[in-house]
Amino acid sequence: TVVSAVMTGFKDAVLEKVLGFNPHISIAFSEKSLTPYVVKRVKEIIPAQELKSISPFFQLQGLVIYLGNPQAIVLKGIDLSQLKKEKAFEVLKLSPDVEERHWEKDLPLILGEKLAKRLGVRLGSRVKLLSVEGIYTIFGFFPKVLTFKVVGVFRTGVYDYDQSLGFTSYDAFLKKAKPSYYG
């Protein structure tokens, strides 16, 4: 009985952590202008009592660099106001800057605790992100380089998330980066 109770609790904790950062359903398409239409259609199709939340997001891989120290990152662009509602965090430290809606100089970045330690960053540090998307020229490939300001650190207790995951503002990123496709 004790073993069964412990295993059930463990299973529930793992499911909460994994499903907290990964949607149950993900719809991918290449034209970001379709986002409002798709969100509207999903709300029409799925009954409101069965739909917990719906929001556009993007995910990309790249290198985050601070003082010459590069680290791999999986960056998720989301509505940052939704992070405070997330149950999967053991710790979520946010600076007051995270409420700022006008990211004119730098984009906001919330890093996993282990990734932040490996980089040596603190709240307020500015880092560079080299995206896998870039420009091909006759001289070779030039990745997009964006500047981010670290406005938060989180810990989930899941090693892979804490060492390689970061969040930024979906809207601010799309305005600043002008990507051809993220989402």
N, C-alpha and C. Protein backbone atom coordinates (compact mmCIF):
# COMPACT_ATOMS: atom_id res chain seq x y z
N THR A 1 0.83 -1.20 0.00
CA THR A 1 0.00 0.00 0.00
C THR A 1 0.87 1.25 0.00
N VAL A 2 1.92 1.25 0.82
CA VAL A 2 2.80 2.41 0.90
C VAL A 2 3.51 2.63 -0.44
N VAL A 3 4.03 1.55 -1.01
CA VAL A 3 4.72 1.65 -2.30
C VAL A 3 3.77 2.17 -3.37
N SER A 4 2.56 1.68 -3.40
CA SER A 4 1.57 2.11 -4.38
C SER A 4 1.26 3.60 -4.21
N ALA A 5 1.12 4.05 -2.98
CA ALA A 5 0.84 5.46 -2.72
C ALA A 5 2.01 6.34 -3.16
N VAL A 6 3.23 5.91 -2.86
CA VAL A 6 4.42 6.68 -3.25
C VAL A 6 4.52 6.75 -4.77
N MET A 7 4.33 5.63 -5.45
CA MET A 7 4.44 5.60 -6.90
C MET A 7 3.36 6.45 -7.56
N THR A 8 2.14 6.41 -7.02
CA THR A 8 1.07 7.24 -7.56
C THR A 8 1.40 8.72 -7.39
N GLY A 9 1.91 9.09 -6.23
CA GLY A 9 2.31 10.48 -5.99
C GLY A 9 3.43 10.91 -6.91
N PHE A 10 4.41 10.01 -7.11
CA PHE A 10 5.52 10.30 -8.01
C PHE A 10 5.03 10.49 -9.44
N LYS A 11 4.14 9.60 -9.87
CA LYS A 11 3.58 9.68 -11.22
C LYS A 11 2.84 11.00 -11.41
N ASP A 12 2.04 11.39 -10.44
CA ASP A 12 1.30 12.65 -10.53
C ASP A 12 2.24 13.84 -10.59
N ALA A 13 3.31 13.81 -9.80
CA ALA A 13 4.28 14.92 -9.79
C ALA A 13 4.99 15.04 -11.14
N VAL A 14 5.40 13.91 -11.70
CA VAL A 14 6.09 13.92 -12.99
C VAL A 14 5.15 14.41 -14.09
N LEU A 15 3.92 13.92 -14.10
CA LEU A 15 2.96 14.36 -15.11
C LEU A 15 2.71 15.86 -15.02
N GLU A 16 2.60 16.38 -13.80
CA GLU A 16 2.37 17.81 -13.61
C GLU A 16 3.53 18.62 -14.17
N LYS A 17 4.76 18.18 -13.91
CA LYS A 17 5.94 18.90 -14.41
C LYS A 17 6.02 18.86 -15.93
N VAL A 18 5.88 17.68 -16.51
CA VAL A 18 6.03 17.52 -17.95
C VAL A 18 4.88 18.20 -18.70
N LEU A 19 3.65 17.95 -18.27
CA LEU A 19 2.52 18.55 -18.96
C LEU A 19 2.38 20.03 -18.67
N GLY A 20 3.01 20.50 -17.61
CA GLY A 20 2.96 21.92 -17.31
C GLY A 20 3.68 22.76 -18.35
N PHE A 21 4.69 22.21 -18.99
CA PHE A 21 5.46 22.95 -19.98
C PHE A 21 5.22 22.50 -21.40
N ASN A 22 4.42 21.48 -21.57
CA ASN A 22 4.14 20.98 -22.90
C ASN A 22 2.63 20.87 -23.08
N PRO A 23 2.10 21.46 -24.14
CA PRO A 23 0.65 21.42 -24.33
C PRO A 23 0.16 20.01 -24.63
N HIS A 24 -1.09 19.78 -24.28
CA HIS A 24 -1.71 18.49 -24.62
C HIS A 24 -1.90 18.38 -26.13
N ILE A 25 -2.21 19.52 -26.75
CA ILE A 25 -2.39 19.57 -28.20
C ILE A 25 -1.58 20.76 -28.72
N SER A 26 -0.86 20.53 -29.79
CA SER A 26 -0.09 21.60 -30.41
C SER A 26 -0.42 21.63 -31.89
N ILE A 27 -0.77 22.81 -32.39
CA ILE A 27 -1.10 22.97 -33.81
C ILE A 27 0.00 23.83 -34.42
N ALA A 28 0.69 23.28 -35.41
CA ALA A 28 1.78 24.01 -36.06
C ALA A 28 1.37 24.39 -37.48
N PHE A 29 1.70 25.61 -37.85
CA PHE A 29 1.46 26.07 -39.21
C PHE A 29 2.51 27.12 -39.53
N SER A 30 2.73 27.33 -40.81
CA SER A 30 3.84 28.19 -41.22
C SER A 30 3.47 29.65 -41.40
N GLU A 31 2.23 30.00 -41.34
CA GLU A 31 1.81 31.39 -41.54
C GLU A 31 1.30 31.96 -40.23
N LYS A 32 2.11 32.81 -39.59
CA LYS A 32 1.73 33.32 -38.27
C LYS A 32 0.49 34.20 -38.32
N SER A 33 0.14 34.75 -39.47
CA SER A 33 -1.07 35.57 -39.57
C SER A 33 -2.33 34.74 -39.36
N LEU A 34 -2.21 33.40 -39.43
CA LEU A 34 -3.35 32.53 -39.18
C LEU A 34 -3.64 32.33 -37.69
N THR A 35 -2.74 32.76 -36.82
CA THR A 35 -2.88 32.51 -35.38
C THR A 35 -4.23 32.95 -34.83
N PRO A 36 -4.69 34.19 -35.05
CA PRO A 36 -5.99 34.57 -34.49
C PRO A 36 -7.14 33.70 -35.01
N TYR A 37 -7.10 33.33 -36.29
CA TYR A 37 -8.14 32.49 -36.86
C TYR A 37 -8.14 31.10 -36.20
N VAL A 38 -6.96 30.51 -36.05
CA VAL A 38 -6.87 29.17 -35.45
C VAL A 38 -7.34 29.20 -34.00
N VAL A 39 -6.94 30.20 -33.24
CA VAL A 39 -7.37 30.32 -31.84
C VAL A 39 -8.90 30.43 -31.77
N LYS A 40 -9.47 31.25 -32.63
CA LYS A 40 -10.93 31.42 -32.66
C LYS A 40 -11.63 30.11 -33.00
N ARG A 41 -11.13 29.39 -34.00
CA ARG A 41 -11.76 28.12 -34.42
C ARG A 41 -11.67 27.05 -33.33
N VAL A 42 -10.53 26.98 -32.66
CA VAL A 42 -10.39 26.00 -31.57
C VAL A 42 -11.39 26.30 -30.46
N LYS A 43 -11.56 27.57 -30.12
CA LYS A 43 -12.53 27.94 -29.09
C LYS A 43 -13.95 27.60 -29.50
N GLU A 44 -14.23 27.65 -30.80
CA GLU A 44 -15.57 27.29 -31.29
C GLU A 44 -15.79 25.78 -31.26
N ILE A 45 -14.75 25.02 -31.52
CA ILE A 45 -14.87 23.56 -31.64
C ILE A 45 -14.88 22.87 -30.27
N ILE A 46 -14.00 23.30 -29.37
CA ILE A 46 -13.88 22.63 -28.06
C ILE A 46 -14.76 23.34 -27.05
N PRO A 47 -15.62 22.60 -26.34
CA PRO A 47 -16.48 23.21 -25.33
C PRO A 47 -15.66 23.94 -24.26
N ALA A 48 -16.15 25.09 -23.81
CA ALA A 48 -15.42 25.94 -22.86
C ALA A 48 -15.05 25.21 -21.58
N GLN A 49 -15.92 24.33 -21.09
CA GLN A 49 -15.63 23.62 -19.84
C GLN A 49 -14.50 22.60 -20.00
N GLU A 50 -14.19 22.21 -21.23
CA GLU A 50 -13.11 21.25 -21.48
C GLU A 50 -11.79 21.92 -21.86
N LEU A 51 -11.83 23.21 -22.18
CA LEU A 51 -10.64 23.94 -22.62
C LEU A 51 -10.05 24.71 -21.44
N LYS A 52 -8.90 24.25 -20.97
CA LYS A 52 -8.26 24.90 -19.82
C LYS A 52 -7.63 26.22 -20.23
N SER A 53 -6.87 26.23 -21.32
CA SER A 53 -6.28 27.45 -21.83
C SER A 53 -5.86 27.23 -23.28
N ILE A 54 -5.72 28.34 -23.98
CA ILE A 54 -5.25 28.29 -25.35
C ILE A 54 -4.42 29.55 -25.57
N SER A 55 -3.25 29.37 -26.14
CA SER A 55 -2.42 30.54 -26.44
C SER A 55 -1.39 30.17 -27.49
N PRO A 56 -1.06 31.15 -28.32
CA PRO A 56 -0.01 30.92 -29.32
C PRO A 56 1.36 30.88 -28.64
N PHE A 57 2.26 30.11 -29.21
CA PHE A 57 3.63 30.06 -28.70
C PHE A 57 4.55 29.67 -29.85
N PHE A 58 5.82 29.87 -29.64
CA PHE A 58 6.81 29.34 -30.57
C PHE A 58 7.91 28.69 -29.74
N GLN A 59 8.68 27.87 -30.39
CA GLN A 59 9.81 27.21 -29.74
C GLN A 59 10.95 27.18 -30.74
N LEU A 60 12.13 27.58 -30.29
CA LEU A 60 13.30 27.51 -31.16
C LEU A 60 14.52 27.12 -30.34
N GLN A 61 15.51 26.64 -31.04
CA GLN A 61 16.77 26.26 -30.40
C GLN A 61 17.85 27.24 -30.83
N GLY A 62 18.81 27.40 -29.96
CA GLY A 62 19.91 28.29 -30.29
C GLY A 62 20.98 28.23 -29.21
N LEU A 63 21.84 29.23 -29.23
CA LEU A 63 22.88 29.38 -28.22
C LEU A 63 22.67 30.70 -27.51
N VAL A 64 22.69 30.66 -26.19
CA VAL A 64 22.66 31.88 -25.41
C VAL A 64 24.09 32.12 -24.93
N ILE A 65 24.56 33.36 -25.06
CA ILE A 65 25.97 33.67 -24.78
C ILE A 65 26.05 34.82 -23.78
N TYR A 66 26.87 34.61 -22.74
CA TYR A 66 27.12 35.65 -21.75
C TYR A 66 28.61 35.64 -21.44
N LEU A 67 29.27 36.76 -21.65
CA LEU A 67 30.71 36.91 -21.42
C LEU A 67 31.52 35.80 -22.09
N GLY A 68 31.17 35.50 -23.34
CA GLY A 68 31.90 34.50 -24.11
C GLY A 68 31.59 33.06 -23.75
N ASN A 69 30.62 32.83 -22.88
CA ASN A 69 30.25 31.49 -22.45
C ASN A 69 28.97 31.07 -23.18
N PRO A 70 29.06 30.20 -24.20
CA PRO A 70 27.86 29.76 -24.92
C PRO A 70 27.21 28.54 -24.26
N GLN A 71 25.89 28.54 -24.22
CA GLN A 71 25.14 27.40 -23.71
C GLN A 71 23.94 27.17 -24.62
N ALA A 72 23.60 25.91 -24.84
CA ALA A 72 22.43 25.56 -25.66
C ALA A 72 21.16 25.93 -24.90
N ILE A 73 20.16 26.37 -25.66
CA ILE A 73 18.88 26.74 -25.05
C ILE A 73 17.74 26.35 -25.96
N VAL A 74 16.64 25.97 -25.34
CA VAL A 74 15.36 25.82 -26.03
C VAL A 74 14.54 27.00 -25.54
N LEU A 75 14.22 27.90 -26.44
CA LEU A 75 13.51 29.13 -26.09
C LEU A 75 12.06 29.00 -26.48
N LYS A 76 11.17 29.27 -25.51
CA LYS A 76 9.73 29.25 -25.78
C LYS A 76 9.21 30.66 -25.66
N GLY A 77 8.51 31.09 -26.69
CA GLY A 77 7.85 32.38 -26.67
C GLY A 77 6.41 32.18 -26.26
N ILE A 78 6.02 32.80 -25.15
CA ILE A 78 4.68 32.62 -24.61
C ILE A 78 4.17 33.96 -24.08
N ASP A 79 2.94 33.97 -23.61
CA ASP A 79 2.40 35.12 -22.90
C ASP A 79 2.96 35.04 -21.48
N LEU A 80 3.88 35.93 -21.13
CA LEU A 80 4.58 35.85 -19.85
C LEU A 80 3.65 35.98 -18.64
N SER A 81 2.50 36.61 -18.82
CA SER A 81 1.57 36.72 -17.70
C SER A 81 1.03 35.35 -17.28
N GLN A 82 1.10 34.37 -18.17
CA GLN A 82 0.62 33.02 -17.86
C GLN A 82 1.60 32.23 -16.98
N LEU A 83 2.86 32.66 -16.92
CA LEU A 83 3.87 31.92 -16.15
C LEU A 83 3.53 31.86 -14.67
N LYS A 84 3.00 32.93 -14.12
CA LYS A 84 2.69 32.97 -12.69
C LYS A 84 1.62 31.96 -12.30
N LYS A 85 0.80 31.55 -13.27
CA LYS A 85 -0.26 30.57 -13.02
C LYS A 85 0.25 29.13 -13.10
N GLU A 86 1.45 28.96 -13.62
CA GLU A 86 2.00 27.62 -13.86
C GLU A 86 2.31 26.92 -12.54
N LYS A 87 1.82 25.69 -12.39
CA LYS A 87 2.03 24.91 -11.16
C LYS A 87 3.33 24.12 -11.17
N ALA A 88 3.98 24.00 -12.32
CA ALA A 88 5.16 23.14 -12.44
C ALA A 88 6.42 23.76 -11.85
N PHE A 89 6.38 25.04 -11.47
CA PHE A 89 7.55 25.69 -10.90
C PHE A 89 7.67 25.39 -9.41
N GLU A 90 8.87 25.02 -8.97
CA GLU A 90 9.17 24.96 -7.55
C GLU A 90 9.53 26.36 -7.07
N VAL A 91 10.27 27.08 -7.92
CA VAL A 91 10.70 28.44 -7.62
C VAL A 91 10.55 29.26 -8.90
N LEU A 92 10.03 30.47 -8.78
CA LEU A 92 9.93 31.40 -9.90
C LEU A 92 10.23 32.79 -9.37
N LYS A 93 11.45 33.28 -9.68
CA LYS A 93 11.87 34.62 -9.27
C LYS A 93 11.78 35.54 -10.48
N LEU A 94 10.97 36.58 -10.37
CA LEU A 94 10.82 37.53 -11.47
C LEU A 94 11.15 38.93 -10.99
N SER A 95 11.86 39.68 -11.84
CA SER A 95 12.14 41.08 -11.51
C SER A 95 10.90 41.89 -11.88
N PRO A 96 10.78 43.09 -11.34
CA PRO A 96 9.63 43.94 -11.71
C PRO A 96 9.57 44.24 -13.20
N ASP A 97 10.71 44.13 -13.89
CA ASP A 97 10.77 44.40 -15.34
C ASP A 97 9.89 43.47 -16.15
N VAL A 98 9.54 42.32 -15.61
CA VAL A 98 8.78 41.35 -16.39
C VAL A 98 7.39 41.88 -16.72
N GLU A 99 6.88 42.81 -15.93
CA GLU A 99 5.58 43.39 -16.21
C GLU A 99 5.64 44.43 -17.33
N GLU A 100 6.84 44.87 -17.66
CA GLU A 100 7.02 45.87 -18.70
C GLU A 100 6.52 45.31 -20.03
N ARG A 101 5.73 46.10 -20.73
CA ARG A 101 5.16 45.63 -21.99
C ARG A 101 5.92 46.15 -23.21
N HIS A 102 6.75 47.15 -23.02
CA HIS A 102 7.45 47.77 -24.15
C HIS A 102 8.93 47.41 -24.08
N TRP A 103 9.30 46.37 -24.76
CA TRP A 103 10.69 45.91 -24.75
C TRP A 103 11.38 46.52 -25.95
N GLU A 104 11.84 47.75 -25.81
CA GLU A 104 12.41 48.46 -26.95
C GLU A 104 13.88 48.13 -27.17
N LYS A 105 14.65 48.02 -26.10
CA LYS A 105 16.07 47.75 -26.26
C LYS A 105 16.36 46.25 -26.27
N ASP A 106 15.95 45.58 -25.22
CA ASP A 106 16.22 44.15 -25.08
C ASP A 106 14.92 43.38 -24.88
N LEU A 107 14.93 42.15 -25.28
CA LEU A 107 13.78 41.26 -25.06
C LEU A 107 13.90 40.63 -23.67
N PRO A 108 12.76 40.29 -23.04
CA PRO A 108 12.81 39.65 -21.72
C PRO A 108 13.21 38.18 -21.85
N LEU A 109 13.92 37.67 -20.85
CA LEU A 109 14.32 36.26 -20.84
C LEU A 109 14.23 35.73 -19.43
N ILE A 110 13.55 34.60 -19.28
CA ILE A 110 13.43 33.91 -18.01
C ILE A 110 14.11 32.56 -18.20
N LEU A 111 15.15 32.31 -17.41
CA LEU A 111 16.00 31.13 -17.59
C LEU A 111 15.81 30.10 -16.50
N GLY A 112 16.07 28.85 -16.85
CA GLY A 112 16.15 27.79 -15.86
C GLY A 112 17.32 28.07 -14.93
N GLU A 113 17.16 27.70 -13.66
CA GLU A 113 18.16 28.01 -12.64
C GLU A 113 19.54 27.45 -12.97
N LYS A 114 19.62 26.22 -13.41
CA LYS A 114 20.91 25.61 -13.73
C LYS A 114 21.56 26.28 -14.94
N LEU A 115 20.78 26.65 -15.93
CA LEU A 115 21.30 27.35 -17.09
C LEU A 115 21.83 28.72 -16.69
N ALA A 116 21.10 29.42 -15.85
CA ALA A 116 21.55 30.74 -15.38
C ALA A 116 22.87 30.62 -14.61
N LYS A 117 23.00 29.59 -13.79
CA LYS A 117 24.25 29.39 -13.04
C LYS A 117 25.40 29.06 -13.97
N ARG A 118 25.17 28.18 -14.96
CA ARG A 118 26.23 27.83 -15.91
C ARG A 118 26.69 29.04 -16.71
N LEU A 119 25.77 29.94 -17.02
CA LEU A 119 26.13 31.15 -17.75
C LEU A 119 26.78 32.19 -16.84
N GLY A 120 26.43 32.15 -15.56
CA GLY A 120 26.92 33.16 -14.62
C GLY A 120 26.12 34.44 -14.65
N VAL A 121 24.83 34.36 -15.02
CA VAL A 121 24.00 35.55 -15.11
C VAL A 121 23.18 35.77 -13.84
N ARG A 122 22.73 37.00 -13.68
CA ARG A 122 21.82 37.40 -12.60
C ARG A 122 20.66 38.15 -13.23
N LEU A 123 19.67 38.47 -12.42
CA LEU A 123 18.59 39.31 -12.91
C LEU A 123 19.17 40.64 -13.38
N GLY A 124 18.78 41.07 -14.55
CA GLY A 124 19.29 42.31 -15.11
C GLY A 124 20.44 42.13 -16.09
N SER A 125 21.06 40.96 -16.11
CA SER A 125 22.16 40.70 -17.05
C SER A 125 21.63 40.71 -18.48
N ARG A 126 22.47 41.15 -19.40
CA ARG A 126 22.12 41.14 -20.81
C ARG A 126 22.90 40.03 -21.50
N VAL A 127 22.18 39.21 -22.27
CA VAL A 127 22.79 38.08 -22.96
C VAL A 127 22.44 38.16 -24.44
N LYS A 128 23.21 37.45 -25.24
CA LYS A 128 22.95 37.36 -26.69
C LYS A 128 22.41 35.97 -27.01
N LEU A 129 21.51 35.91 -27.97
CA LEU A 129 20.99 34.64 -28.45
C LEU A 129 21.33 34.53 -29.92
N LEU A 130 22.01 33.44 -30.28
CA LEU A 130 22.25 33.12 -31.68
C LEU A 130 21.19 32.11 -32.08
N SER A 131 20.34 32.51 -32.99
CA SER A 131 19.24 31.67 -33.43
C SER A 131 19.69 30.76 -34.56
N VAL A 132 19.01 29.64 -34.72
CA VAL A 132 19.32 28.75 -35.83
C VAL A 132 18.82 29.33 -37.14
N GLU A 133 17.94 30.33 -37.06
CA GLU A 133 17.50 31.01 -38.27
C GLU A 133 18.47 32.14 -38.55
N GLY A 134 18.76 32.37 -39.80
CA GLY A 134 19.69 33.43 -40.15
C GLY A 134 19.64 33.75 -41.62
N ILE A 135 20.74 34.29 -42.11
CA ILE A 135 20.82 34.73 -43.49
C ILE A 135 21.96 33.97 -44.18
N TYR A 136 21.68 33.43 -45.36
CA TYR A 136 22.72 32.81 -46.18
C TYR A 136 23.23 33.83 -47.19
N THR A 137 24.53 34.01 -47.22
CA THR A 137 25.13 34.93 -48.18
C THR A 137 26.24 34.19 -48.92
N ILE A 138 26.88 34.87 -49.83
CA ILE A 138 28.00 34.24 -50.54
C ILE A 138 29.18 34.01 -49.61
N PHE A 139 29.19 34.68 -48.46
CA PHE A 139 30.26 34.51 -47.48
C PHE A 139 29.93 33.44 -46.44
N GLY A 140 28.75 32.85 -46.52
CA GLY A 140 28.36 31.80 -45.58
C GLY A 140 27.10 32.17 -44.82
N PHE A 141 26.84 31.42 -43.78
CA PHE A 141 25.64 31.59 -42.97
C PHE A 141 25.90 32.57 -41.83
N PHE A 142 24.99 33.51 -41.64
CA PHE A 142 25.06 34.46 -40.53
C PHE A 142 23.81 34.30 -39.68
N PRO A 143 23.95 33.79 -38.45
CA PRO A 143 22.77 33.58 -37.61
C PRO A 143 22.21 34.91 -37.12
N LYS A 144 20.90 34.91 -36.79
CA LYS A 144 20.32 36.09 -36.17
C LYS A 144 20.87 36.19 -34.75
N VAL A 145 21.20 37.39 -34.35
CA VAL A 145 21.70 37.63 -33.00
C VAL A 145 20.76 38.63 -32.35
N LEU A 146 20.18 38.25 -31.23
CA LEU A 146 19.26 39.11 -30.49
C LEU A 146 19.78 39.32 -29.08
N THR A 147 19.49 40.49 -28.52
CA THR A 147 19.88 40.78 -27.14
C THR A 147 18.67 40.61 -26.23
N PHE A 148 18.90 39.93 -25.12
CA PHE A 148 17.85 39.69 -24.12
C PHE A 148 18.32 40.22 -22.77
N LYS A 149 17.35 40.60 -21.95
CA LYS A 149 17.62 40.99 -20.57
C LYS A 149 17.03 39.91 -19.67
N VAL A 150 17.83 39.37 -18.76
CA VAL A 150 17.35 38.32 -17.86
C VAL A 150 16.44 38.97 -16.82
N VAL A 151 15.16 38.62 -16.88
CA VAL A 151 14.17 39.20 -15.97
C VAL A 151 13.59 38.16 -15.01
N GLY A 152 14.09 36.92 -15.09
CA GLY A 152 13.57 35.90 -14.20
C GLY A 152 14.38 34.62 -14.26
N VAL A 153 14.25 33.85 -13.17
CA VAL A 153 14.90 32.55 -13.05
C VAL A 153 13.87 31.60 -12.44
N PHE A 154 13.86 30.36 -12.93
CA PHE A 154 12.92 29.38 -12.39
C PHE A 154 13.62 28.07 -12.09
N ARG A 155 12.97 27.28 -11.24
CA ARG A 155 13.40 25.91 -10.97
C ARG A 155 12.16 25.04 -10.99
N THR A 156 12.24 23.94 -11.74
CA THR A 156 11.13 23.01 -11.82
C THR A 156 11.40 21.72 -11.06
N GLY A 157 12.67 21.41 -10.86
CA GLY A 157 13.03 20.13 -10.28
C GLY A 157 13.27 19.08 -11.35
N VAL A 158 13.02 19.42 -12.61
CA VAL A 158 13.29 18.52 -13.74
C VAL A 158 14.59 19.01 -14.36
N TYR A 159 15.63 18.20 -14.26
CA TYR A 159 16.98 18.61 -14.65
C TYR A 159 17.04 19.17 -16.07
N ASP A 160 16.42 18.47 -17.03
CA ASP A 160 16.49 18.91 -18.43
C ASP A 160 15.88 20.29 -18.63
N TYR A 161 14.80 20.59 -17.95
CA TYR A 161 14.17 21.91 -18.08
C TYR A 161 15.04 22.98 -17.43
N ASP A 162 15.54 22.70 -16.25
CA ASP A 162 16.31 23.69 -15.50
C ASP A 162 17.65 24.01 -16.15
N GLN A 163 18.18 23.09 -16.95
CA GLN A 163 19.49 23.33 -17.57
C GLN A 163 19.42 23.85 -19.00
N SER A 164 18.23 23.83 -19.64
CA SER A 164 18.24 24.22 -21.05
C SER A 164 17.02 25.00 -21.52
N LEU A 165 16.10 25.34 -20.64
CA LEU A 165 14.86 25.98 -21.06
C LEU A 165 14.86 27.46 -20.70
N GLY A 166 14.28 28.25 -21.59
CA GLY A 166 14.09 29.68 -21.33
C GLY A 166 12.77 30.14 -21.92
N PHE A 167 12.23 31.21 -21.37
CA PHE A 167 10.97 31.78 -21.85
C PHE A 167 11.18 33.24 -22.21
N THR A 168 10.45 33.69 -23.23
CA THR A 168 10.44 35.09 -23.59
C THR A 168 9.01 35.46 -23.98
N SER A 169 8.79 36.75 -24.20
CA SER A 169 7.48 37.25 -24.60
C SER A 169 7.21 36.93 -26.06
N TYR A 170 6.14 36.23 -26.31
CA TYR A 170 5.75 35.86 -27.68
C TYR A 170 5.61 37.11 -28.55
N ASP A 171 4.80 38.06 -28.11
CA ASP A 171 4.52 39.26 -28.91
C ASP A 171 5.78 40.10 -29.12
N ALA A 172 6.53 40.34 -28.05
CA ALA A 172 7.73 41.18 -28.16
C ALA A 172 8.75 40.55 -29.09
N PHE A 173 8.92 39.23 -29.00
CA PHE A 173 9.89 38.54 -29.86
C PHE A 173 9.50 38.66 -31.32
N LEU A 174 8.23 38.43 -31.63
CA LEU A 174 7.81 38.49 -33.03
C LEU A 174 7.95 39.89 -33.61
N LYS A 175 7.72 40.91 -32.79
CA LYS A 175 7.89 42.29 -33.27
C LYS A 175 9.36 42.63 -33.47
N LYS A 176 10.20 42.22 -32.53
CA LYS A 176 11.62 42.59 -32.57
C LYS A 176 12.40 41.74 -33.57
N ALA A 177 12.18 40.44 -33.57
CA ALA A 177 12.99 39.53 -34.39
C ALA A 177 12.56 39.51 -35.85
N LYS A 178 11.30 39.83 -36.12
CA LYS A 178 10.76 39.78 -37.47
C LYS A 178 11.10 38.47 -38.17
N PRO A 179 10.81 37.35 -37.49
CA PRO A 179 11.15 36.06 -38.09
C PRO A 179 10.20 35.68 -39.21
N SER A 180 10.66 34.83 -40.09
CA SER A 180 9.79 34.34 -41.15
C SER A 180 8.86 33.28 -40.59
N TYR A 181 9.34 32.52 -39.61
CA TYR A 181 8.48 31.51 -38.99
C TYR A 181 8.98 31.15 -37.61
N TYR A 182 8.17 31.40 -36.61
CA TYR A 182 8.39 30.93 -35.25
C TYR A 182 7.01 30.65 -34.68
N GLY A 183 6.50 29.45 -34.78
CA GLY A 183 5.23 29.23 -34.11
C GLY A 183 4.35 28.27 -34.80
